[in-house]
């Protein structure tokens, strides 16, 4: 085990106690952290994982047995982190993430219900006016009429103030 291995702990009592389940992602060179875990309608657990020492690529690991084990992680084919996955009313998934490369900003993808098209889903640019890479940490919530509010930590001047901003889509 290395210090950057990713593990799953499960709580059955609202977070008062935790039980170790399994290792989610591991590698001799790639580092893993800041994970968004999403349960699909079929019951798969899909982990959208931030990496280090992997050119800032997102990776994905999937469990088909309720978190008892995870398949080997896969390169999602795009850069960005950390992630938040939100189920839309039609069961598609709104995956949003910070983009810490020029042009800095916030991006998203709309995935199929089982999150199998993460590498081919078109990228949606929510903002590209960030002043530097210190941004992201998005969180989304559904709004009436099928719209989505995505909030995030943001800056337009890398040396200036940071704040919480939001974008409404749909």
Protein backbone atom coordinates (compact mmCIF):
# COMPACT_ATOMS: atom_id res chain seq x y z
CA UNK A 1 0.00 0.00 0.00
CA UNK A 2 1.14 3.55 -0.71
CA UNK A 3 0.04 6.83 0.85
CA UNK A 4 -1.83 7.78 -2.32
CA UNK A 5 -3.92 4.61 -2.60
CA UNK A 6 -7.64 5.33 -2.47
CA UNK A 7 -9.85 3.32 -0.10
CA UNK A 8 -13.58 3.04 0.57
CA UNK A 9 -15.05 3.27 4.06
CA UNK A 10 -18.77 2.72 4.64
CA UNK A 11 -21.02 4.07 7.39
CA UNK A 12 -24.40 2.54 8.20
CA UNK A 13 -25.22 5.03 10.99
CA UNK A 14 -24.96 8.46 9.42
CA UNK A 15 -21.20 8.74 9.88
CA UNK A 16 -20.88 7.91 13.58
CA UNK A 17 -18.88 4.75 12.84
CA UNK A 18 -17.09 3.51 9.72
CA UNK A 19 -16.18 0.09 8.33
CA UNK A 20 -13.36 -0.54 5.90
CA UNK A 21 -14.59 -1.97 2.59
CA UNK A 22 -11.83 -2.10 -0.03
CA UNK A 23 -9.15 -0.38 -2.04
CA UNK A 24 -10.64 1.71 -4.86
CA UNK A 25 -7.56 2.78 -6.85
CA UNK A 26 -3.84 2.18 -6.59
CA UNK A 27 -0.77 2.54 -8.77
CA UNK A 28 3.00 2.63 -8.34
CA UNK A 29 3.29 6.09 -9.95
CA UNK A 30 -0.13 7.78 -10.11
CA UNK A 31 -1.51 9.48 -6.99
CA UNK A 32 -5.24 9.51 -6.18
CA UNK A 33 -7.34 11.86 -4.03
CA UNK A 34 -10.50 14.06 -3.92
CA UNK A 35 -13.07 11.60 -5.21
CA UNK A 36 -16.72 11.99 -6.13
CA UNK A 37 -18.58 8.71 -5.65
CA UNK A 38 -21.80 8.23 -7.61
CA UNK A 39 -24.35 5.38 -7.56
CA UNK A 40 -25.93 4.58 -10.94
CA UNK A 41 -29.56 3.43 -11.38
CA UNK A 42 -28.26 -0.18 -11.80
CA UNK A 43 -26.42 0.13 -8.48
CA UNK A 44 -22.83 0.46 -9.73
CA UNK A 45 -20.58 2.79 -7.74
CA UNK A 46 -18.55 5.06 -10.02
CA UNK A 47 -15.61 6.96 -8.55
CA UNK A 48 -14.47 10.11 -10.40
CA UNK A 49 -10.95 10.60 -9.07
CA UNK A 50 -8.48 13.48 -9.03
CA UNK A 51 -4.92 12.41 -9.82
CA UNK A 52 -1.39 13.55 -9.25
CA UNK A 53 1.61 12.65 -11.41
CA UNK A 54 -0.74 11.81 -14.30
CA UNK A 55 -0.92 15.11 -16.23
CA UNK A 56 -3.97 16.16 -14.18
CA UNK A 57 -6.17 13.54 -15.86
CA UNK A 58 -9.41 12.40 -14.32
CA UNK A 59 -9.60 8.67 -13.75
CA UNK A 60 -12.65 6.51 -13.12
CA UNK A 61 -13.02 3.33 -11.06
CA UNK A 62 -16.21 1.23 -10.98
CA UNK A 63 -17.68 -1.21 -8.48
CA UNK A 64 -20.38 -3.60 -9.69
CA UNK A 65 -20.78 -5.33 -6.31
CA UNK A 66 -21.90 -2.52 -4.00
CA UNK A 67 -18.41 -1.38 -3.03
CA UNK A 68 -16.97 -4.79 -2.09
CA UNK A 69 -14.34 -4.33 -4.82
CA UNK A 70 -13.48 -1.98 -7.69
CA UNK A 71 -12.34 -2.70 -11.22
CA UNK A 72 -8.93 -1.31 -12.23
CA UNK A 73 -9.07 2.47 -12.71
CA UNK A 74 -9.29 3.89 -16.23
CA UNK A 75 -8.10 7.18 -17.70
CA UNK A 76 -11.23 9.22 -18.41
CA UNK A 77 -9.47 10.96 -21.30
CA UNK A 78 -9.77 14.52 -20.00
CA UNK A 79 -8.19 16.88 -17.48
CA UNK A 80 -10.01 18.46 -14.56
CA UNK A 81 -10.79 18.08 -10.88
CA UNK A 82 -12.24 17.78 -8.37
CA UNK A 83 -15.60 16.46 -9.56
CA UNK A 84 -19.23 16.41 -8.57
CA UNK A 85 -21.78 14.10 -10.19
CA UNK A 86 -25.50 14.90 -10.06
CA UNK A 87 -28.34 12.72 -11.35
CA UNK A 88 -30.60 14.66 -13.70
CA UNK A 89 -34.39 14.04 -13.87
CA UNK A 90 -33.92 11.82 -16.98
CA UNK A 91 -31.20 9.76 -15.18
CA UNK A 92 -28.33 11.25 -17.17
CA UNK A 93 -25.48 12.56 -15.03
CA UNK A 94 -24.20 16.15 -14.82
CA UNK A 95 -20.47 15.80 -14.10
CA UNK A 96 -18.81 19.12 -13.27
CA UNK A 97 -15.17 19.88 -12.45
CA UNK A 98 -12.59 22.63 -12.17
CA UNK A 99 -10.27 23.14 -15.13
CA UNK A 100 -6.86 24.28 -13.89
CA UNK A 101 -5.15 24.91 -17.21
CA UNK A 102 -5.40 27.90 -19.53
CA UNK A 103 -8.07 28.98 -20.10
CA UNK A 104 -8.85 28.39 -16.40
CA UNK A 105 -12.44 27.75 -15.47
CA UNK A 106 -15.26 25.32 -14.79
CA UNK A 107 -16.34 22.55 -17.17
CA UNK A 108 -18.95 19.83 -17.32
CA UNK A 109 -20.06 16.78 -19.25
CA UNK A 110 -23.46 15.11 -19.49
CA UNK A 111 -22.99 11.38 -19.07
CA UNK A 112 -25.38 8.52 -19.78
CA UNK A 113 -27.23 7.03 -16.80
CA UNK A 114 -24.57 4.39 -16.13
CA UNK A 115 -21.61 6.76 -16.65
CA UNK A 116 -20.10 4.67 -19.43
CA UNK A 117 -19.47 7.51 -21.91
CA UNK A 118 -17.19 9.69 -19.78
CA UNK A 119 -14.41 9.67 -22.41
CA UNK A 120 -16.68 10.60 -25.34
CA UNK A 121 -19.29 12.93 -23.80
CA UNK A 122 -18.76 16.45 -25.17
CA UNK A 123 -17.14 18.90 -22.79
CA UNK A 124 -19.24 21.94 -21.82
CA UNK A 125 -17.39 25.12 -20.81
CA UNK A 126 -19.28 26.90 -18.02
CA UNK A 127 -16.55 29.52 -17.48
CA UNK A 128 -13.11 30.14 -18.92
CA UNK A 129 -12.29 33.48 -17.32
CA UNK A 130 -10.39 32.20 -14.28
CA UNK A 131 -7.29 34.12 -13.28
CA UNK A 132 -5.31 31.02 -12.31
CA UNK A 133 -5.54 27.41 -11.28
CA UNK A 134 -6.75 28.03 -7.71
CA UNK A 135 -10.41 27.32 -8.48
CA UNK A 136 -12.95 24.55 -8.72
CA UNK A 137 -14.48 22.39 -5.98
CA UNK A 138 -17.88 22.51 -7.72
CA UNK A 139 -21.19 21.33 -6.33
CA UNK A 140 -24.45 21.16 -8.30
CA UNK A 141 -28.11 21.15 -7.33
CA UNK A 142 -31.25 20.71 -9.42
CA UNK A 143 -33.53 23.70 -9.98
CA UNK A 144 -37.16 23.78 -11.16
CA UNK A 145 -37.72 23.37 -14.88
CA UNK A 146 -34.81 20.99 -15.42
CA UNK A 147 -32.13 23.61 -14.78
CA UNK A 148 -29.00 23.02 -12.68
CA UNK A 149 -27.16 25.43 -10.38
CA UNK A 150 -23.44 24.74 -10.14
CA UNK A 151 -21.49 26.63 -7.47
CA UNK A 152 -17.71 26.70 -7.19
CA UNK A 153 -14.66 28.41 -5.70
CA UNK A 154 -13.37 30.99 -8.21
CA UNK A 155 -10.98 33.84 -8.98
CA UNK A 156 -10.41 36.14 -11.96
CA UNK A 157 -7.02 37.38 -10.74
CA UNK A 158 -4.58 34.77 -9.46
CA UNK A 159 -3.19 37.28 -6.96
CA UNK A 160 -6.59 38.70 -5.96
CA UNK A 161 -9.56 37.60 -3.87
CA UNK A 162 -11.37 34.27 -4.17
CA UNK A 163 -15.11 33.82 -3.85
CA UNK A 164 -17.97 31.40 -4.36
CA UNK A 165 -19.64 31.86 -7.74
CA UNK A 166 -22.40 30.02 -9.57
CA UNK A 167 -23.66 29.19 -13.03
CA UNK A 168 -27.21 28.19 -13.94
CA UNK A 169 -27.53 25.83 -16.91
CA UNK A 170 -30.50 24.43 -18.73
